[in-house]
């Protein structure tokens, strides 16, 4: 757990990028080999998406605690909320939403982690985002 606490922006950015790669490669695998489309395979691939989502939430939570910018803190949860809704909607099929929105949400979250890493870090342990 120490890695997540100390490097949450690195982990969040990496999780978002890996999520995008996962979302691009999964349909390609099914196009290349239709025999891969089994309930077990689909379940495993969905599970991987949920694992990325959980890791992403932990990174967002920790990064929001360490940011010195209140707007970035809010944007972390907005982008994560969109990503959560889009990933959850995929197997349920409640709304027909293009995959592009999932890519944009994951990319925006990764970009925000990178921005936070470069510009919004607290300089000491006494930093508090609610007072800035």
N, C-alpha and C. Protein backbone atom coordinates (compact mmCIF):
# COMPACT_ATOMS: atom_id res chain seq x y z
N UNK A 1 0.83 -1.19 0.00
CA UNK A 1 0.00 0.00 0.00
C UNK A 1 0.87 1.25 0.00
N UNK A 2 2.10 1.16 0.44
CA UNK A 2 2.99 2.31 0.51
C UNK A 2 3.24 2.92 -0.86
N UNK A 3 3.33 2.08 -1.89
CA UNK A 3 3.56 2.59 -3.24
C UNK A 3 2.40 3.48 -3.66
N UNK A 4 1.17 3.06 -3.39
CA UNK A 4 0.00 3.85 -3.75
C UNK A 4 0.00 5.18 -3.01
N UNK A 5 0.36 5.17 -1.76
CA UNK A 5 0.32 6.39 -0.98
C UNK A 5 1.38 7.40 -1.43
N UNK A 6 2.54 6.94 -1.82
CA UNK A 6 3.62 7.84 -2.19
C UNK A 6 3.64 8.21 -3.66
N UNK A 7 3.08 7.40 -4.52
CA UNK A 7 3.17 7.61 -5.96
C UNK A 7 1.80 7.57 -6.63
N UNK A 8 0.79 8.12 -6.01
CA UNK A 8 -0.56 7.97 -6.52
C UNK A 8 -0.75 8.59 -7.91
N UNK A 9 -0.06 9.68 -8.22
CA UNK A 9 -0.21 10.26 -9.55
C UNK A 9 0.42 9.39 -10.62
N UNK A 10 1.56 8.79 -10.32
CA UNK A 10 2.18 7.86 -11.27
C UNK A 10 1.27 6.66 -11.52
N UNK A 11 0.74 6.11 -10.43
CA UNK A 11 -0.12 4.94 -10.54
C UNK A 11 -1.42 5.29 -11.25
N UNK A 12 -1.99 6.44 -10.94
CA UNK A 12 -3.22 6.87 -11.59
C UNK A 12 -3.04 7.09 -13.08
N UNK A 13 -1.96 7.74 -13.47
CA UNK A 13 -1.69 7.97 -14.89
C UNK A 13 -1.46 6.64 -15.60
N UNK A 14 -0.70 5.76 -14.99
CA UNK A 14 -0.44 4.45 -15.61
C UNK A 14 -1.72 3.62 -15.72
N UNK A 15 -2.54 3.64 -14.69
CA UNK A 15 -3.80 2.89 -14.72
C UNK A 15 -4.71 3.40 -15.84
N UNK A 16 -4.77 4.71 -16.01
CA UNK A 16 -5.59 5.28 -17.07
C UNK A 16 -5.10 4.89 -18.45
N UNK A 17 -3.79 4.94 -18.64
CA UNK A 17 -3.22 4.57 -19.94
C UNK A 17 -3.41 3.08 -20.21
N UNK A 18 -3.19 2.26 -19.19
CA UNK A 18 -3.42 0.82 -19.36
C UNK A 18 -4.90 0.51 -19.61
N UNK A 19 -5.77 1.28 -19.01
CA UNK A 19 -7.21 1.13 -19.23
C UNK A 19 -7.55 1.42 -20.69
N UNK A 20 -6.96 2.48 -21.24
CA UNK A 20 -7.20 2.81 -22.65
C UNK A 20 -6.70 1.69 -23.54
N UNK A 21 -5.50 1.20 -23.26
CA UNK A 21 -4.95 0.09 -24.05
C UNK A 21 -5.86 -1.13 -23.96
N UNK A 22 -6.32 -1.43 -22.75
CA UNK A 22 -7.23 -2.56 -22.53
C UNK A 22 -8.51 -2.39 -23.37
N UNK A 23 -9.06 -1.18 -23.39
CA UNK A 23 -10.30 -0.92 -24.12
C UNK A 23 -10.10 -0.98 -25.63
N UNK A 24 -8.90 -0.71 -26.10
CA UNK A 24 -8.62 -0.80 -27.54
C UNK A 24 -8.33 -2.23 -27.95
N UNK A 25 -7.54 -2.93 -27.15
CA UNK A 25 -7.09 -4.28 -27.51
C UNK A 25 -8.21 -5.31 -27.40
N UNK A 26 -9.08 -5.18 -26.42
CA UNK A 26 -10.12 -6.18 -26.20
C UNK A 26 -10.99 -6.42 -27.43
N UNK A 27 -11.58 -5.37 -28.03
CA UNK A 27 -12.38 -5.64 -29.24
C UNK A 27 -11.54 -6.19 -30.40
N UNK A 28 -10.28 -5.76 -30.49
CA UNK A 28 -9.41 -6.27 -31.55
C UNK A 28 -9.16 -7.77 -31.39
N UNK A 29 -9.00 -8.21 -30.16
CA UNK A 29 -8.82 -9.65 -29.92
C UNK A 29 -10.03 -10.44 -30.39
N UNK A 30 -11.21 -9.90 -30.13
CA UNK A 30 -12.44 -10.58 -30.55
C UNK A 30 -12.60 -10.56 -32.07
N UNK A 31 -12.14 -9.50 -32.71
CA UNK A 31 -12.20 -9.43 -34.17
C UNK A 31 -11.21 -10.40 -34.81
N UNK A 32 -10.04 -10.51 -34.23
CA UNK A 32 -9.01 -11.38 -34.77
C UNK A 32 -9.40 -12.86 -34.60
N UNK A 33 -9.95 -13.19 -33.44
CA UNK A 33 -10.28 -14.59 -33.16
C UNK A 33 -11.63 -14.64 -32.46
N UNK A 34 -12.66 -14.93 -33.21
CA UNK A 34 -14.02 -14.96 -32.67
C UNK A 34 -14.21 -16.06 -31.64
N UNK A 35 -13.35 -17.06 -31.65
CA UNK A 35 -13.46 -18.15 -30.67
C UNK A 35 -13.13 -17.69 -29.26
N UNK A 36 -12.49 -16.53 -29.13
CA UNK A 36 -12.18 -16.00 -27.80
C UNK A 36 -13.42 -15.49 -27.07
N UNK A 37 -14.49 -15.28 -27.81
CA UNK A 37 -15.71 -14.73 -27.21
C UNK A 37 -16.44 -15.84 -26.46
N UNK A 38 -16.05 -16.04 -25.23
CA UNK A 38 -16.74 -16.98 -24.35
C UNK A 38 -17.15 -16.21 -23.10
N UNK A 39 -18.04 -16.77 -22.32
CA UNK A 39 -18.46 -16.10 -21.10
C UNK A 39 -17.28 -15.90 -20.15
N UNK A 40 -16.42 -16.89 -20.09
CA UNK A 40 -15.27 -16.80 -19.19
C UNK A 40 -14.33 -15.68 -19.62
N UNK A 41 -14.04 -15.60 -20.91
CA UNK A 41 -13.13 -14.56 -21.41
C UNK A 41 -13.72 -13.17 -21.19
N UNK A 42 -14.99 -13.03 -21.52
CA UNK A 42 -15.65 -11.73 -21.33
C UNK A 42 -15.64 -11.34 -19.86
N UNK A 43 -15.92 -12.30 -18.98
CA UNK A 43 -15.90 -12.02 -17.54
C UNK A 43 -14.51 -11.57 -17.09
N UNK A 44 -13.48 -12.27 -17.54
CA UNK A 44 -12.11 -11.92 -17.14
C UNK A 44 -11.74 -10.52 -17.64
N UNK A 45 -12.10 -10.21 -18.88
CA UNK A 45 -11.78 -8.89 -19.42
C UNK A 45 -12.56 -7.79 -18.71
N UNK A 46 -13.81 -8.05 -18.34
CA UNK A 46 -14.57 -7.07 -17.56
C UNK A 46 -13.96 -6.91 -16.17
N UNK A 47 -13.52 -7.99 -15.59
CA UNK A 47 -12.88 -7.95 -14.28
C UNK A 47 -11.62 -7.10 -14.32
N UNK A 48 -10.84 -7.23 -15.38
CA UNK A 48 -9.64 -6.40 -15.54
C UNK A 48 -10.03 -4.92 -15.57
N UNK A 49 -11.11 -4.60 -16.27
CA UNK A 49 -11.60 -3.22 -16.30
C UNK A 49 -11.98 -2.71 -14.92
N UNK A 50 -12.63 -3.56 -14.13
CA UNK A 50 -13.01 -3.17 -12.77
C UNK A 50 -11.78 -3.01 -11.86
N UNK A 51 -10.77 -3.84 -12.10
CA UNK A 51 -9.53 -3.70 -11.33
C UNK A 51 -8.87 -2.36 -11.64
N UNK A 52 -8.82 -1.99 -12.92
CA UNK A 52 -8.28 -0.67 -13.29
C UNK A 52 -9.10 0.43 -12.63
N UNK A 53 -10.41 0.26 -12.59
CA UNK A 53 -11.28 1.27 -11.98
C UNK A 53 -11.00 1.40 -10.48
N UNK A 54 -10.81 0.29 -9.79
CA UNK A 54 -10.52 0.32 -8.36
C UNK A 54 -9.16 0.97 -8.08
N UNK A 55 -8.16 0.59 -8.87
CA UNK A 55 -6.83 1.19 -8.71
C UNK A 55 -6.92 2.69 -8.98
N UNK A 56 -7.67 3.04 -10.00
CA UNK A 56 -7.84 4.44 -10.36
C UNK A 56 -8.50 5.22 -9.22
N UNK A 57 -9.50 4.61 -8.58
CA UNK A 57 -10.15 5.31 -7.47
C UNK A 57 -9.18 5.55 -6.32
N UNK A 58 -8.39 4.54 -5.98
CA UNK A 58 -7.42 4.71 -4.90
C UNK A 58 -6.42 5.82 -5.24
N UNK A 59 -5.99 5.87 -6.49
CA UNK A 59 -5.06 6.92 -6.92
C UNK A 59 -5.72 8.28 -6.88
N UNK A 60 -6.97 8.37 -7.32
CA UNK A 60 -7.70 9.64 -7.29
C UNK A 60 -7.88 10.11 -5.85
N UNK A 61 -8.28 9.20 -5.00
CA UNK A 61 -8.51 9.54 -3.60
C UNK A 61 -7.23 10.09 -2.96
N UNK A 62 -6.13 9.37 -3.16
CA UNK A 62 -4.87 9.79 -2.55
C UNK A 62 -4.33 11.07 -3.18
N UNK A 63 -4.41 11.18 -4.48
CA UNK A 63 -3.93 12.38 -5.16
C UNK A 63 -4.76 13.61 -4.77
N UNK A 64 -6.05 13.41 -4.57
CA UNK A 64 -6.90 14.54 -4.18
C UNK A 64 -6.55 15.03 -2.77
N UNK A 65 -6.02 14.13 -1.95
CA UNK A 65 -5.58 14.54 -0.62
C UNK A 65 -4.28 15.32 -0.66
N UNK A 66 -3.47 15.07 -1.69
CA UNK A 66 -2.15 15.70 -1.77
C UNK A 66 -2.07 16.88 -2.71
N UNK A 67 -3.13 17.21 -3.39
CA UNK A 67 -3.07 18.31 -4.35
C UNK A 67 -3.17 19.66 -3.64
N UNK A 68 -2.54 20.65 -4.23
CA UNK A 68 -2.61 22.00 -3.67
C UNK A 68 -3.63 22.84 -4.43
N UNK A 69 -4.34 22.24 -5.39
CA UNK A 69 -5.29 22.96 -6.22
C UNK A 69 -6.69 22.37 -6.01
N UNK A 70 -7.60 23.18 -5.49
CA UNK A 70 -8.96 22.72 -5.21
C UNK A 70 -9.73 22.31 -6.45
N UNK A 71 -9.49 22.99 -7.57
CA UNK A 71 -10.17 22.65 -8.82
C UNK A 71 -9.74 21.26 -9.29
N UNK A 72 -8.46 20.97 -9.19
CA UNK A 72 -7.94 19.66 -9.59
C UNK A 72 -8.58 18.58 -8.72
N UNK A 73 -8.75 18.85 -7.45
CA UNK A 73 -9.36 17.88 -6.54
C UNK A 73 -10.77 17.53 -7.01
N UNK A 74 -11.55 18.52 -7.37
CA UNK A 74 -12.92 18.30 -7.84
C UNK A 74 -12.90 17.57 -9.18
N UNK A 75 -12.02 17.99 -10.08
CA UNK A 75 -11.94 17.36 -11.40
C UNK A 75 -11.56 15.88 -11.31
N UNK A 76 -10.70 15.53 -10.36
CA UNK A 76 -10.36 14.12 -10.15
C UNK A 76 -11.63 13.29 -9.98
N UNK A 77 -12.51 13.73 -9.11
CA UNK A 77 -13.71 12.94 -8.81
C UNK A 77 -14.74 13.02 -9.94
N UNK A 78 -14.81 14.14 -10.63
CA UNK A 78 -15.72 14.25 -11.77
C UNK A 78 -15.30 13.29 -12.88
N UNK A 79 -14.02 13.34 -13.26
CA UNK A 79 -13.54 12.44 -14.32
C UNK A 79 -13.65 10.98 -13.91
N UNK A 80 -13.34 10.68 -12.64
CA UNK A 80 -13.46 9.30 -12.19
C UNK A 80 -14.93 8.87 -12.21
N UNK A 81 -15.82 9.75 -11.79
CA UNK A 81 -17.25 9.43 -11.80
C UNK A 81 -17.75 9.12 -13.21
N UNK A 82 -17.31 9.92 -14.20
CA UNK A 82 -17.67 9.64 -15.59
C UNK A 82 -17.14 8.27 -16.01
N UNK A 83 -15.88 8.02 -15.70
CA UNK A 83 -15.27 6.74 -16.08
C UNK A 83 -16.02 5.58 -15.42
N UNK A 84 -16.35 5.71 -14.15
CA UNK A 84 -17.10 4.69 -13.43
C UNK A 84 -18.45 4.42 -14.11
N UNK A 85 -19.18 5.49 -14.43
CA UNK A 85 -20.48 5.35 -15.06
C UNK A 85 -20.37 4.68 -16.43
N UNK A 86 -19.35 5.06 -17.19
CA UNK A 86 -19.17 4.49 -18.52
C UNK A 86 -18.78 3.01 -18.46
N UNK A 87 -17.89 2.67 -17.54
CA UNK A 87 -17.47 1.27 -17.41
C UNK A 87 -18.62 0.41 -16.89
N UNK A 88 -19.39 0.94 -15.96
CA UNK A 88 -20.53 0.20 -15.42
C UNK A 88 -21.64 0.05 -16.46
N UNK A 89 -21.80 1.06 -17.31
CA UNK A 89 -22.84 1.01 -18.33
C UNK A 89 -22.53 -0.02 -19.42
N UNK A 90 -21.27 -0.29 -19.64
CA UNK A 90 -20.90 -1.18 -20.74
C UNK A 90 -21.55 -2.56 -20.66
N UNK A 91 -21.42 -3.30 -19.55
CA UNK A 91 -22.09 -4.61 -19.53
C UNK A 91 -23.60 -4.51 -19.35
N UNK A 92 -24.06 -3.44 -18.72
CA UNK A 92 -25.50 -3.29 -18.47
C UNK A 92 -26.24 -2.81 -19.71
N UNK A 93 -25.58 -2.00 -20.53
CA UNK A 93 -26.19 -1.50 -21.76
C UNK A 93 -27.38 -0.60 -21.54
N UNK A 94 -27.37 0.18 -20.48
CA UNK A 94 -28.49 1.07 -20.19
C UNK A 94 -28.58 2.16 -21.26
N UNK A 95 -27.46 2.74 -21.62
CA UNK A 95 -27.39 3.77 -22.64
C UNK A 95 -26.42 3.32 -23.73
N UNK A 96 -26.68 3.73 -24.95
CA UNK A 96 -25.73 3.47 -26.05
C UNK A 96 -24.76 4.64 -26.10
N UNK A 97 -23.60 4.43 -25.56
CA UNK A 97 -22.59 5.49 -25.50
C UNK A 97 -21.36 5.01 -26.27
N UNK A 98 -20.88 5.84 -27.20
CA UNK A 98 -19.68 5.42 -27.96
C UNK A 98 -18.48 5.21 -27.05
N UNK A 99 -17.65 4.25 -27.42
CA UNK A 99 -16.45 3.90 -26.65
C UNK A 99 -15.50 5.10 -26.54
N UNK A 100 -15.61 6.02 -27.48
CA UNK A 100 -14.76 7.21 -27.48
C UNK A 100 -14.86 7.97 -26.15
N UNK A 101 -16.03 8.00 -25.54
CA UNK A 101 -16.20 8.72 -24.28
C UNK A 101 -15.44 8.05 -23.14
N UNK A 102 -15.36 6.73 -23.18
CA UNK A 102 -14.56 6.02 -22.18
C UNK A 102 -13.09 6.36 -22.36
N UNK A 103 -12.63 6.37 -23.61
CA UNK A 103 -11.23 6.73 -23.89
C UNK A 103 -10.94 8.15 -23.41
N UNK A 104 -11.83 9.08 -23.72
CA UNK A 104 -11.63 10.48 -23.33
C UNK A 104 -11.61 10.64 -21.81
N UNK A 105 -12.48 9.93 -21.14
CA UNK A 105 -12.53 10.01 -19.69
C UNK A 105 -11.26 9.46 -19.05
N UNK A 106 -10.81 8.30 -19.52
CA UNK A 106 -9.58 7.70 -18.98
C UNK A 106 -8.37 8.57 -19.32
N UNK A 107 -8.34 9.10 -20.53
CA UNK A 107 -7.22 9.96 -20.93
C UNK A 107 -7.22 11.25 -20.09
N UNK A 108 -8.39 11.85 -19.88
CA UNK A 108 -8.48 13.07 -19.08
C UNK A 108 -8.02 12.83 -17.65
N UNK A 109 -8.40 11.70 -17.10
CA UNK A 109 -7.97 11.36 -15.74
C UNK A 109 -6.46 11.18 -15.68
N UNK A 110 -5.89 10.51 -16.68
CA UNK A 110 -4.43 10.33 -16.73
C UNK A 110 -3.73 11.68 -16.88
N UNK A 111 -4.25 12.52 -17.76
CA UNK A 111 -3.66 13.84 -17.98
C UNK A 111 -3.73 14.68 -16.70
N UNK A 112 -4.83 14.56 -15.98
CA UNK A 112 -4.97 15.31 -14.72
C UNK A 112 -3.96 14.82 -13.69
N UNK A 113 -3.71 13.52 -13.63
CA UNK A 113 -2.69 12.99 -12.72
C UNK A 113 -1.31 13.55 -13.10
N UNK A 114 -1.01 13.60 -14.38
CA UNK A 114 0.28 14.13 -14.83
C UNK A 114 0.38 15.62 -14.50
N UNK A 115 -0.70 16.36 -14.73
CA UNK A 115 -0.73 17.78 -14.39
C UNK A 115 -0.51 17.96 -12.88
N UNK A 116 -1.22 17.17 -12.09
CA UNK A 116 -1.09 17.26 -10.64
C UNK A 116 0.33 16.94 -10.19
N UNK A 117 0.94 15.97 -10.84
CA UNK A 117 2.30 15.58 -10.52
C UNK A 117 3.28 16.73 -10.74
N UNK A 118 3.06 17.48 -11.81
CA UNK A 118 3.99 18.56 -12.17
C UNK A 118 3.72 19.87 -11.45
N UNK A 119 2.43 20.21 -11.22
CA UNK A 119 2.11 21.58 -10.80
C UNK A 119 1.37 21.72 -9.48
N UNK A 120 0.83 20.67 -8.94
CA UNK A 120 -0.08 20.84 -7.81
C UNK A 120 0.31 20.07 -6.56
N UNK A 121 1.54 19.73 -6.39
CA UNK A 121 1.93 18.95 -5.22
C UNK A 121 2.13 19.85 -4.00
N UNK A 122 1.71 19.33 -2.87
CA UNK A 122 1.99 20.00 -1.61
C UNK A 122 3.49 19.87 -1.33
N UNK A 123 4.06 20.92 -0.79
CA UNK A 123 5.50 20.90 -0.54
C UNK A 123 5.89 20.26 0.78
N UNK A 124 4.95 20.17 1.72
CA UNK A 124 5.25 19.51 2.98
C UNK A 124 4.02 18.78 3.48
N UNK A 125 4.14 18.09 4.59
CA UNK A 125 3.05 17.29 5.11
C UNK A 125 1.94 18.13 5.72
N UNK A 126 2.17 19.42 5.96
CA UNK A 126 1.19 20.29 6.57
C UNK A 126 0.28 20.96 5.55
N UNK A 127 0.45 20.64 4.28
CA UNK A 127 -0.35 21.24 3.23
C UNK A 127 -1.79 20.74 3.35
N UNK A 128 -2.72 21.64 3.19
CA UNK A 128 -4.14 21.27 3.27
C UNK A 128 -4.87 21.96 2.14
N UNK A 129 -5.52 21.19 1.27
CA UNK A 129 -6.19 21.76 0.10
C UNK A 129 -7.40 22.60 0.49
N UNK A 130 -8.02 22.34 1.63
CA UNK A 130 -9.22 23.08 2.01
C UNK A 130 -8.90 24.50 2.45
N UNK A 131 -7.66 24.83 2.77
CA UNK A 131 -7.32 26.18 3.20
C UNK A 131 -6.76 27.02 2.07
N UNK A 132 -6.60 26.46 0.90
CA UNK A 132 -6.04 27.21 -0.22
C UNK A 132 -7.09 27.60 -1.20
